[in-house]
C-alpha atoms as a PDB file:
ATOM      1  CA  MET A   1      -9.698 -12.530  -6.427  1.00  0.00           C
ATOM      2  CA  SER A   2      -6.240 -11.603  -5.289  1.00  0.00           C
ATOM      3  CA  LEU A   3      -4.026  -8.883  -6.622  1.00  0.00           C
ATOM      4  CA  ALA A   4      -1.282 -10.000  -8.984  1.00  0.00           C
ATOM      5  CA  PRO A   5       2.090  -9.215  -7.398  1.00  0.00           C
ATOM      6  CA  ARG A   6       3.581  -8.111 -10.704  1.00  0.00           C
ATOM      7  CA  THR A   7       0.525  -6.630 -12.413  1.00  0.00           C
ATOM      8  CA  MET A   8       1.081  -2.998 -11.453  1.00  0.00           C
ATOM      9  CA  LYS A   9       4.816  -3.213 -12.143  1.00  0.00           C
ATOM     10  CA  MET A  10       4.264  -4.724 -15.585  1.00  0.00           C
ATOM     11  CA  ILE A  11       1.747  -2.154 -16.738  1.00  0.00           C
ATOM     12  CA  SER A  12       3.861   0.639 -15.256  1.00  0.00           C
ATOM     13  CA  GLY A  13       6.876  -0.378 -17.319  1.00  0.00           C
ATOM     14  CA  LEU A  14       4.810  -0.956 -20.433  1.00  0.00           C
ATOM     15  CA  LEU A  15       3.124   2.430 -20.392  1.00  0.00           C
ATOM     16  CA  LEU A  16       6.389   4.148 -19.562  1.00  0.00           C
ATOM     17  CA  CYS A  17       7.980   2.644 -22.655  1.00  0.00           C
ATOM     18  CA  LEU A  18       5.031   3.551 -24.858  1.00  0.00           C
ATOM     19  CA  GLY A  19       4.970   7.080 -23.484  1.00  0.00           C
ATOM     20  CA  PHE A  20       1.313   7.193 -22.533  1.00  0.00           C
ATOM     21  CA  PHE A  21       0.170   9.493 -19.775  1.00  0.00           C
ATOM     22  CA  CYS A  22      -3.119   8.978 -17.939  1.00  0.00           C
ATOM     23  CA  CYS A  23      -4.449  11.947 -16.029  1.00  0.00           C
ATOM     24  CA  ALA A  24      -6.840  11.904 -13.104  1.00  0.00           C
ATOM     25  CA  GLY A  25     -10.316  13.177 -13.880  1.00  0.00           C
ATOM     26  CA  THR A  26     -11.788  16.401 -12.629  1.00  0.00           C
ATOM     27  CA  SER A  27     -15.397  15.262 -12.241  1.00  0.00           C
ATOM     28  CA  PRO A  28     -17.035  15.534  -8.800  1.00  0.00           C
ATOM     29  CA  ARG A  29     -16.472  12.488  -6.638  1.00  0.00           C
ATOM     30  CA  LEU A  30     -19.348  10.091  -6.321  1.00  0.00           C
ATOM     31  CA  GLY A  31     -20.747   9.072  -2.971  1.00  0.00           C
ATOM     32  CA  SER A  32     -21.392   5.457  -3.935  1.00  0.00           C
ATOM     33  CA  LEU A  33     -20.112   2.692  -6.177  1.00  0.00           C
ATOM     34  CA  MET A  34     -20.636   3.744  -9.777  1.00  0.00           C
ATOM     35  CA  THR A  35     -22.631   1.636 -12.195  1.00  0.00           C
ATOM     36  CA  PHE A  36     -20.112  -0.035 -14.471  1.00  0.00           C
ATOM     37  CA  GLU A  37     -19.283  -3.056 -16.571  1.00  0.00           C
ATOM     38  CA  MET A  38     -15.598  -3.601 -17.182  1.00  0.00           C
ATOM     39  CA  GLU A  39     -13.345  -6.382 -18.436  1.00  0.00           C
ATOM     40  CA  ASP A  40     -10.246  -7.861 -16.891  1.00  0.00           C
ATOM     41  CA  GLN A  41      -7.186  -9.017 -18.822  1.00  0.00           C
ATOM     42  CA  PHE A  42      -8.955 -12.298 -19.676  1.00  0.00           C
ATOM     43  CA  ARG A  43     -11.879 -10.423 -21.256  1.00  0.00           C
ATOM     44  CA  HIS A  44     -14.120 -11.573 -18.410  1.00  0.00           C
ATOM     45  CA  SER A  45     -16.747  -8.972 -17.628  1.00  0.00           C
ATOM     46  CA  HIS A  46     -17.297  -7.605 -14.115  1.00  0.00           C
ATOM     47  CA  SER A  47     -19.954  -5.160 -12.959  1.00  0.00           C
ATOM     48  CA  HIS A  48     -20.934  -3.237  -9.848  1.00  0.00           C
ATOM     49  CA  ALA A  49     -23.568  -5.881  -9.104  1.00  0.00           C
ATOM     50  CA  ASP A  50     -20.860  -8.533  -8.580  1.00  0.00           C
ATOM     51  CA  PHE A  51     -19.677  -6.826  -5.389  1.00  0.00           C
ATOM     52  CA  LYS A  52     -23.017  -6.234  -3.708  1.00  0.00           C
ATOM     53  CA  GLY A  53     -23.308  -7.320  -0.078  1.00  0.00           C
ATOM     54  CA  ARG A  54     -19.601  -7.269   0.771  1.00  0.00           C
ATOM     55  CA  VAL A  55     -17.129  -4.560   1.602  1.00  0.00           C
ATOM     56  CA  LEU A  56     -15.199  -3.590  -1.509  1.00  0.00           C
ATOM     57  CA  VAL A  57     -11.731  -2.044  -1.654  1.00  0.00           C
ATOM     58  CA  VAL A  58     -10.484  -0.756  -5.005  1.00  0.00           C
ATOM     59  CA  ILE A  59      -6.809   0.125  -5.479  1.00  0.00           C
ATOM     60  CA  GLY A  60      -6.378   2.060  -8.696  1.00  0.00           C
ATOM     61  CA  SER A  61      -3.609   4.016 -10.369  1.00  0.00           C
ATOM     62  CA  ASP A  62      -2.189   5.340 -13.590  1.00  0.00           C
ATOM     63  CA  ARG A  63       1.256   4.291 -14.800  1.00  0.00           C
ATOM     64  CA  GLU A  64       3.148   6.638 -12.473  1.00  0.00           C
ATOM     65  CA  GLY A  65       1.246   5.449  -9.425  1.00  0.00           C
ATOM     66  CA  ALA A  66       1.647   1.761 -10.261  1.00  0.00           C
ATOM     67  CA  PRO A  67       4.595   1.084  -7.900  1.00  0.00           C
ATOM     68  CA  ALA A  68       2.717   2.539  -4.919  1.00  0.00           C
ATOM     69  CA  ALA A  69      -0.458   0.698  -5.908  1.00  0.00           C
ATOM     70  CA  GLU A  70       1.460  -2.573  -6.127  1.00  0.00           C
ATOM     71  CA  ASN A  71       2.866  -2.080  -2.626  1.00  0.00           C
ATOM     72  CA  TRP A  72      -0.567  -1.221  -1.229  1.00  0.00           C
ATOM     73  CA  GLY A  73      -2.059  -4.266  -2.896  1.00  0.00           C
ATOM     74  CA  LYS A  74       0.481  -6.544  -1.257  1.00  0.00           C
ATOM     75  CA  ALA A  75       0.157  -4.878   2.155  1.00  0.00           C
ATOM     76  CA  LEU A  76      -3.639  -4.976   2.305  1.00  0.00           C
ATOM     77  CA  SER A  77      -3.793  -8.492   0.863  1.00  0.00           C
ATOM     78  CA  GLN A  78      -1.611  -9.730   3.710  1.00  0.00           C
ATOM     79  CA  ALA A  79      -3.206  -7.649   6.466  1.00  0.00           C
ATOM     80  CA  LEU A  80      -6.752  -8.603   5.486  1.00  0.00           C
ATOM     81  CA  LYS A  81      -6.130 -12.207   4.413  1.00  0.00           C
ATOM     82  CA  PRO A  82      -8.514 -13.718   7.020  1.00  0.00           C
ATOM     83  CA  GLU A  83     -11.353 -11.470   5.869  1.00  0.00           C
ATOM     84  CA  ARG A  84     -10.664 -12.199   2.212  1.00  0.00           C
ATOM     85  CA  ASP A  85     -10.418 -15.949   2.773  1.00  0.00           C
ATOM     86  CA  ALA A  86     -13.748 -15.858   4.634  1.00  0.00           C
ATOM     87  CA  GLY A  87     -15.428 -14.124   1.693  1.00  0.00           C
ATOM     88  CA  ARG A  88     -16.190 -10.984   3.673  1.00  0.00           C
ATOM     89  CA  LEU A  89     -14.095  -8.632   1.567  1.00  0.00           C
ATOM     90  CA  ASN A  90     -13.422  -7.950  -2.105  1.00  0.00           C
ATOM     91  CA  LEU A  91      -9.998  -6.438  -2.755  1.00  0.00           C
ATOM     92  CA  ILE A  92      -9.386  -5.619  -6.402  1.00  0.00           C
ATOM     93  CA  GLY A  93      -6.817  -3.820  -8.481  1.00  0.00           C
ATOM     94  CA  LEU A  94      -7.724  -1.374 -11.228  1.00  0.00           C
ATOM     95  CA  SER A  95      -5.422  -0.002 -13.907  1.00  0.00           C
ATOM     96  CA  THR A  96      -6.235   3.314 -15.560  1.00  0.00           C
ATOM     97  CA  LEU A  97      -5.395   2.779 -19.240  1.00  0.00           C
ATOM     98  CA  LYS A  98      -6.964   5.857 -20.744  1.00  0.00           C
ATOM     99  CA  GLY A  99      -5.204   6.777 -23.974  1.00  0.00           C
ATOM    100  CA  VAL A 100      -4.047   3.321 -25.040  1.00  0.00           C
ATOM    101  CA  PRO A 101      -4.787   2.908 -28.798  1.00  0.00           C
ATOM    102  CA  PHE A 102      -7.243   0.132 -29.666  1.00  0.00           C
ATOM    103  CA  PHE A 103      -4.662  -1.748 -31.745  1.00  0.00           C
ATOM    104  CA  LEU A 104      -2.412  -2.156 -28.680  1.00  0.00           C
ATOM    105  CA  LYS A 105      -5.064  -3.400 -26.258  1.00  0.00           C
ATOM    106  CA  ASP A 106      -4.331  -7.086 -26.839  1.00  0.00           C
ATOM    107  CA  TYR A 107      -0.640  -6.435 -26.307  1.00  0.00           C
ATOM    108  CA  VAL A 108      -1.383  -4.634 -23.039  1.00  0.00           C
ATOM    109  CA  ARG A 109      -3.651  -7.443 -21.827  1.00  0.00           C
ATOM    110  CA  GLY A 110      -0.839  -9.913 -22.406  1.00  0.00           C
ATOM    111  CA  LYS A 111       1.439  -8.021 -20.018  1.00  0.00           C
ATOM    112  CA  PHE A 112      -0.821  -8.698 -17.045  1.00  0.00           C
ATOM    113  CA  SER A 113      -0.655 -11.869 -14.972  1.00  0.00           C
ATOM    114  CA  GLN A 114      -2.030 -14.875 -16.817  1.00  0.00           C
ATOM    115  CA  ASN A 115      -3.046 -16.561 -13.566  1.00  0.00           C
ATOM    116  CA  ALA A 116      -6.845 -16.751 -13.630  1.00  0.00           C
ATOM    117  CA  GLY A 117      -7.017 -15.923  -9.928  1.00  0.00           C
ATOM    118  CA  GLU A 118      -5.040 -12.712 -10.341  1.00  0.00           C
ATOM    119  CA  TRP A 119      -7.307 -10.596 -12.481  1.00  0.00           C
ATOM    120  CA  ALA A 120      -7.532  -6.820 -12.469  1.00  0.00           C
ATOM    121  CA  LEU A 121     -10.032  -4.366 -13.908  1.00  0.00           C
ATOM    122  CA  LEU A 122      -8.774  -2.637 -17.049  1.00  0.00           C
ATOM    123  CA  ASP A 123     -10.229   0.851 -17.138  1.00  0.00           C
ATOM    124  CA  TRP A 124      -9.630   1.838 -20.760  1.00  0.00           C
ATOM    125  CA  LYS A 125     -11.787   4.963 -20.509  1.00  0.00           C
ATOM    126  CA  GLY A 126     -10.548   6.170 -17.117  1.00  0.00           C
ATOM    127  CA  LEU A 127     -14.067   5.997 -15.673  1.00  0.00           C
ATOM    128  CA  PHE A 128     -12.981   5.476 -12.071  1.00  0.00           C
ATOM    129  CA  ALA A 129     -10.260   8.116 -12.274  1.00  0.00           C
ATOM    130  CA  ASP A 130     -12.715  10.663 -13.643  1.00  0.00           C
ATOM    131  CA  SER A 131     -15.616   9.778 -11.357  1.00  0.00           C
ATOM    132  CA  TYR A 132     -13.677   9.648  -8.093  1.00  0.00           C
ATOM    133  CA  GLY A 133     -11.042  12.274  -8.753  1.00  0.00           C
ATOM    134  CA  PHE A 134      -8.010   9.993  -8.697  1.00  0.00           C
ATOM    135  CA  VAL A 135      -4.739  11.751  -7.969  1.00  0.00           C
ATOM    136  CA  ALA A 136      -2.232  11.150 -10.754  1.00  0.00           C
ATOM    137  CA  GLY A 137       0.960   9.361  -9.781  1.00  0.00           C
ATOM    138  CA  ASN A 138      -0.574   7.913  -6.590  1.00  0.00           C
ATOM    139  CA  ALA A 139      -2.198   4.741  -5.373  1.00  0.00           C
ATOM    140  CA  ASN A 140      -5.867   5.665  -5.029  1.00  0.00           C
ATOM    141  CA  VAL A 141      -7.842   3.616  -2.516  1.00  0.00           C
ATOM    142  CA  LEU A 142     -11.637   3.511  -2.409  1.00  0.00           C
ATOM    143  CA  VAL A 143     -13.513   1.742   0.389  1.00  0.00           C
ATOM    144  CA  PHE A 144     -17.189   0.919  -0.170  1.00  0.00           C
ATOM    145  CA  ASP A 145     -19.416  -0.585   2.516  1.00  0.00           C
ATOM    146  CA  LYS A 146     -21.790  -3.516   2.015  1.00  0.00           C
ATOM    147  CA  GLU A 147     -24.427  -1.178   0.590  1.00  0.00           C
ATOM    148  CA  GLY A 148     -22.033   0.270  -1.971  1.00  0.00           C
ATOM    149  CA  VAL A 149     -21.603   3.593  -0.168  1.00  0.00           C
ATOM    150  CA  LEU A 150     -18.175   5.214  -0.456  1.00  0.00           C
ATOM    151  CA  VAL A 151     -17.079   5.448   3.173  1.00  0.00           C
ATOM    152  CA  HIS A 152     -13.396   6.228   2.744  1.00  0.00           C
ATOM    153  CA  GLN A 153     -11.102   7.526   0.021  1.00  0.00           C
ATOM    154  CA  ALA A 154      -7.388   8.193   0.159  1.00  0.00           C
ATOM    155  CA  HIS A 155      -4.359   8.470  -2.089  1.00  0.00           C
ATOM    156  CA  PHE A 156      -0.756   7.587  -1.320  1.00  0.00           C
ATOM    157  CA  SER A 157       2.554   8.220  -3.017  1.00  0.00           C
ATOM    158  CA  GLU A 158       4.151   5.511  -0.866  1.00  0.00           C
ATOM    159  CA  CYS A 159       3.141   2.709   1.460  1.00  0.00           C
ATOM    160  CA  LEU A 160       4.161   3.186   5.111  1.00  0.00           C
ATOM    161  CA  PRO A 161       3.464   0.759   7.999  1.00  0.00           C
ATOM    162  CA  ASP A 162       1.448   3.252  10.058  1.00  0.00           C
ATOM    163  CA  GLN A 163      -0.676   4.098   7.023  1.00  0.00           C
ATOM    164  CA  VAL A 164      -1.370   0.420   6.435  1.00  0.00           C
ATOM    165  CA  LEU A 165      -2.412  -0.077  10.069  1.00  0.00           C
ATOM    166  CA  SER A 166      -4.736   2.913   9.941  1.00  0.00           C
ATOM    167  CA  LEU A 167      -6.415   1.923   6.682  1.00  0.00           C
ATOM    168  CA  THR A 168      -6.705  -1.712   7.748  1.00  0.00           C
ATOM    169  CA  ALA A 169      -8.549  -0.602  10.901  1.00  0.00           C
ATOM    170  CA  ILE A 170     -10.949   1.502   8.830  1.00  0.00           C
ATOM    171  CA  ILE A 171     -11.698  -1.389   6.482  1.00  0.00           C
ATOM    172  CA  ARG A 172     -12.171  -3.865   9.330  1.00  0.00           C
ATOM    173  CA  SER A 173     -14.600  -1.504  11.059  1.00  0.00           C
ATOM    174  CA  ARG A 174     -16.789  -1.660   7.961  1.00  0.00           C
ATOM    175  CA  ILE A 175     -16.553  -5.420   7.734  1.00  0.00           C
ATOM    176  CA  ASP A 176     -17.358  -6.050  11.406  1.00  0.00           C
ATOM    177  CA  GLY A 177     -20.002  -3.324  11.696  1.00  0.00           C
ATOM    178  CA  PRO A 178     -20.711  -1.062  14.696  1.00  0.00           C
ATOM    179  CA  PRO A 179     -20.070  -2.233  18.282  1.00  0.00           C
ATOM    180  CA  PRO A 180     -22.938  -3.958  20.131  1.00  0.00           C
ATOM    181  CA  VAL A 181     -25.262  -1.715  22.097  1.00  0.00           C
ATOM    182  CA  LEU A 182     -27.382  -2.076  25.208  1.00  0.00           C
ATOM    183  CA  GLU A 183     -30.978  -0.984  24.699  1.00  0.00           C
ATOM    184  CA  TYR A 184     -32.974   0.276  27.667  1.00  0.00           C
ATOM    185  CA  VAL A 185     -35.697   2.707  28.827  1.00  0.00           C
ATOM    186  CA  ILE A 186     -35.985   4.805  31.945  1.00  0.00           C
ATOM    187  CA  PRO A 187     -39.187   3.898  33.805  1.00  0.00           C
ATOM    188  CA  PRO A 188     -41.355   6.722  35.233  1.00  0.00           C
ATOM    189  CA  GLY A 189     -40.403   7.767  38.756  1.00  0.00           C
ATOM    190  CA  LEU A 190     -36.827   6.489  38.539  1.00  0.00           C
ATOM    191  CA  THR A 191     -34.526   8.336  40.928  1.00  0.00           C
ATOM    192  CA  GLY A 192     -30.777   8.708  40.792  1.00  0.00           C
ATOM    193  CA  PRO A 193     -28.328   9.972  38.187  1.00  0.00           C
ATOM    194  CA  LEU A 194     -30.530   8.950  35.257  1.00  0.00           C
ATOM    195  CA  ALA A 195     -33.651  10.723  36.517  1.00  0.00           C
ATOM    196  CA  GLY A 196     -35.083  13.704  34.648  1.00  0.00           C
ATOM    197  CA  THR A 197     -34.754  14.577  30.987  1.00  0.00           C
ATOM    198  CA  ARG A 198     -30.966  14.525  30.525  1.00  0.00           C
ATOM    199  CA  PRO A 199     -29.701  12.569  27.488  1.00  0.00           C
ATOM    200  CA  LEU A 200     -28.776   9.067  28.590  1.00  0.00           C
ATOM    201  CA  ASN A 201     -25.242   9.154  27.256  1.00  0.00           C
ATOM    202  CA  GLU A 202     -24.339  12.154  29.424  1.00  0.00           C
ATOM    203  CA  ASP A 203     -24.284   9.892  32.468  1.00  0.00           C
ATOM    204  CA  PHE A 204     -21.841   7.419  30.993  1.00  0.00           C
ATOM    205  CA  ALA A 205     -19.905   9.459  28.449  1.00  0.00           C
ATOM    206  CA  GLY A 206     -16.678   7.622  27.688  1.00  0.00           C
ATOM    207  CA  THR A 207     -17.510   4.853  30.196  1.00  0.00           C
ATOM    208  CA  PRO A 208     -18.051   1.236  29.089  1.00  0.00           C
ATOM    209  CA  VAL A 209     -21.510   0.155  30.205  1.00  0.00           C
ATOM    210  CA  CYS A 210     -22.906  -3.348  30.463  1.00  0.00           C
ATOM    211  CA  THR A 211     -25.558  -2.822  33.174  1.00  0.00           C
ATOM    212  CA  ILE A 212     -29.266  -3.471  32.619  1.00  0.00           C
ATOM    213  CA  LEU A 213     -31.640  -1.169  34.486  1.00  0.00           C
ATOM    214  CA  SER A 214     -34.551  -2.870  36.205  1.00  0.00           C
ATOM    215  CA  THR A 215     -37.144  -2.234  38.904  1.00  0.00           C
ATOM    216  CA  SER A 216     -37.158  -3.939  42.272  1.00  0.00           C
ATOM    217  CA  SER A 217     -39.558  -6.497  40.828  1.00  0.00           C
ATOM    218  CA  GLY A 218     -37.036  -7.457  38.200  1.00  0.00           C
ATOM    219  CA  GLU A 219     -38.831  -5.861  35.251  1.00  0.00           C
ATOM    220  CA  VAL A 220     -36.364  -4.641  32.619  1.00  0.00           C
ATOM    221  CA  PHE A 221     -36.839  -1.324  30.864  1.00  0.00           C
ATOM    222  CA  ALA A 222     -35.070  -0.029  27.741  1.00  0.00           C
ATOM    223  CA  THR A 223     -34.874   3.061  25.544  1.00  0.00           C
ATOM    224  CA  GLY A 224     -32.118   4.484  23.381  1.00  0.00           C
ATOM    225  CA  SER A 225     -28.792   2.758  23.124  1.00  0.00           C
ATOM    226  CA  LEU A 226     -25.470   2.779  24.901  1.00  0.00           C
ATOM    227  CA  PRO A 227     -22.255   1.253  23.516  1.00  0.00           C
ATOM    228  CA  ILE A 228     -20.993  -1.754  25.402  1.00  0.00           C
ATOM    229  CA  GLY A 229     -17.279  -1.469  26.012  1.00  0.00           C
END
């Protein structure tokens, strides 16, 4: 799925004209992806289970935060296009529509993009805003890892280049996983800087290491882990 370029702008203008105001919730923030089932503008149902196994980024807002959310959607879509094209990332838009009367829901749906590939979650009850403490008038960004754990949350009133670079790096770190490590043990009787009971990382703190420790006979030992720079 890709974010509709005009989706946030359309719903922003619509809700402004209708005079609805959607407030951020005050419930405690969750530490993982909430259990939910929610429709998009095409009445297609989506649930938390659909996003299992991949990093998920949700960009949500109320009507006042729609312009910022639209800009963030465009920026992250472009910056993370390789990851999205490779199926390693889900980037979705979410519109908080709490307060819209039931008899206007069809009208609201019709104001979203009618391109099947540009769907967005329509949060009629404000479940995400309430559960994650969305800030009203801002673009609210949630980053969930492959296990559905909320690893980063931020809100923005605007979209600046340095902010995009920083958030993109955070998201990529979750997609790529931790850096490779070198596993090794210290054999009994070893002499030198690693001898004794000192923690292994004290010897190479801040220093890239790619050396394997071995005895004179060529036997390799390993214990603990050390990042490979």
